[in-house]
Amino acid sequence: QKAVLPMTEPSAANLAALAAVMTMRSAWSALEACAFLHESRLPLRLSTVDAGGYPHVTSLWFDFVDGRFLCATQHKAMVARHVRRRPQVGFE
């Protein structure tokens, strides 16, 4: 598990990425969402589509850097193959 570093000023890329997908109805501001993602110790659930067209959900450890989610998995993992074949995914 990664060490928890104190939250410093979030990067402009992180704030911009979050602001682009958040709505006025969002319960959190982009700054609050950045803090949550920085402090989170829970994996995200990534939903991909398998070769047969069915959903496949995988829990992955992540980091949020420069407006991108970086997830940890093996290159040959099924989820990695799904993302390479069809990069449209959902997550929570």
Protein backbone atom coordinates (compact mmCIF):
# COMPACT_ATOMS: atom_id res chain seq x y z
CA GLN A 1 0.00 0.00 0.00
CA LYS A 2 1.32 3.43 -0.89
CA ALA A 3 2.45 5.83 1.81
CA VAL A 4 0.06 8.67 2.56
CA LEU A 5 1.67 11.99 1.82
CA PRO A 6 0.11 15.18 3.11
CA MET A 7 -2.19 16.84 0.61
CA THR A 8 -0.45 19.80 -0.91
CA GLU A 9 -1.81 22.09 -3.59
CA PRO A 10 -3.47 19.83 -6.20
CA SER A 11 -2.10 20.06 -9.70
CA ALA A 12 -3.88 22.21 -12.25
CA ALA A 13 -4.27 19.10 -14.45
CA ASN A 14 -6.04 17.18 -11.67
CA LEU A 15 -8.41 20.08 -10.93
CA ALA A 16 -9.14 20.67 -14.62
CA ALA A 17 -9.84 16.98 -15.28
CA LEU A 18 -12.27 16.76 -12.39
CA ALA A 19 -13.95 20.09 -13.14
CA ALA A 20 -14.56 18.92 -16.73
CA VAL A 21 -16.69 15.96 -15.61
CA MET A 22 -18.37 17.40 -12.52
CA THR A 23 -21.77 19.04 -12.70
CA MET A 24 -23.19 21.96 -10.74
CA ARG A 25 -25.14 19.36 -8.74
CA SER A 26 -21.98 17.59 -7.56
CA ALA A 27 -21.83 17.29 -3.80
CA TRP A 28 -18.08 18.02 -3.81
CA SER A 29 -15.98 20.71 -5.40
CA ALA A 30 -13.08 19.70 -7.67
CA LEU A 31 -10.72 20.54 -4.79
CA GLU A 32 -12.62 18.24 -2.40
CA ALA A 33 -12.64 15.46 -5.01
CA CYS A 34 -8.85 15.84 -5.46
CA ALA A 35 -8.36 15.54 -1.71
CA PHE A 36 -10.54 12.42 -1.58
CA LEU A 37 -8.69 10.76 -4.46
CA HIS A 38 -5.33 11.62 -2.87
CA GLU A 39 -6.32 10.20 0.52
CA SER A 40 -8.34 7.20 -0.67
CA ARG A 41 -7.06 3.78 0.31
CA LEU A 42 -9.81 1.87 -1.47
CA PRO A 43 -9.45 0.34 -4.91
CA LEU A 44 -11.63 1.59 -7.74
CA ARG A 45 -13.91 -0.76 -9.62
CA LEU A 46 -13.26 -0.69 -13.35
CA SER A 47 -15.93 -2.00 -15.69
CA THR A 48 -14.78 -3.24 -19.09
CA VAL A 49 -16.42 -5.28 -21.84
CA ASP A 50 -15.16 -8.77 -22.59
CA ALA A 51 -14.77 -10.35 -26.05
CA GLY A 52 -18.34 -11.66 -25.89
CA GLY A 53 -19.76 -8.19 -25.18
CA TYR A 54 -20.45 -8.81 -21.50
CA PRO A 55 -19.44 -6.47 -18.67
CA HIS A 56 -16.45 -7.43 -16.56
CA VAL A 57 -15.77 -5.60 -13.28
CA THR A 58 -12.33 -5.61 -11.64
CA SER A 59 -11.07 -3.91 -8.47
CA LEU A 60 -7.76 -2.11 -9.04
CA TRP A 61 -5.42 0.00 -6.91
CA PHE A 62 -4.97 3.44 -8.38
CA ASP A 63 -3.32 6.82 -8.16
CA PHE A 64 -4.70 10.05 -9.64
CA VAL A 65 -1.86 11.92 -11.34
CA ASP A 66 -2.02 14.79 -13.83
CA GLY A 67 -5.74 14.30 -14.40
CA ARG A 68 -5.40 10.58 -15.13
CA PHE A 69 -6.17 7.45 -13.16
CA LEU A 70 -3.14 5.18 -13.09
CA CYS A 71 -4.18 1.63 -12.19
CA ALA A 72 -1.98 -1.25 -11.10
CA THR A 73 -2.36 -4.58 -12.88
CA GLN A 74 -0.27 -7.01 -14.88
CA HIS A 75 0.23 -6.44 -18.61
CA LYS A 76 -1.24 -9.87 -19.38
CA ALA A 77 -4.23 -9.50 -17.00
CA MET A 78 -7.69 -9.96 -18.48
CA VAL A 79 -8.68 -6.39 -17.57
CA ALA A 80 -5.62 -5.03 -19.41
CA ARG A 81 -6.53 -7.04 -22.52
CA HIS A 82 -10.10 -5.72 -22.36
CA VAL A 83 -8.94 -2.10 -22.10
CA ARG A 84 -6.48 -2.47 -24.97
CA ARG A 85 -9.21 -3.96 -27.19
CA ARG A 86 -11.95 -1.52 -26.15
CA PRO A 87 -10.80 1.50 -24.09
CA GLN A 88 -14.32 2.72 -23.24
CA VAL A 89 -14.70 1.89 -19.54
CA GLY A 90 -16.73 2.89 -16.51
CA PHE A 91 -15.57 3.13 -12.92
CA GLU A 92 -16.63 3.88 -9.39
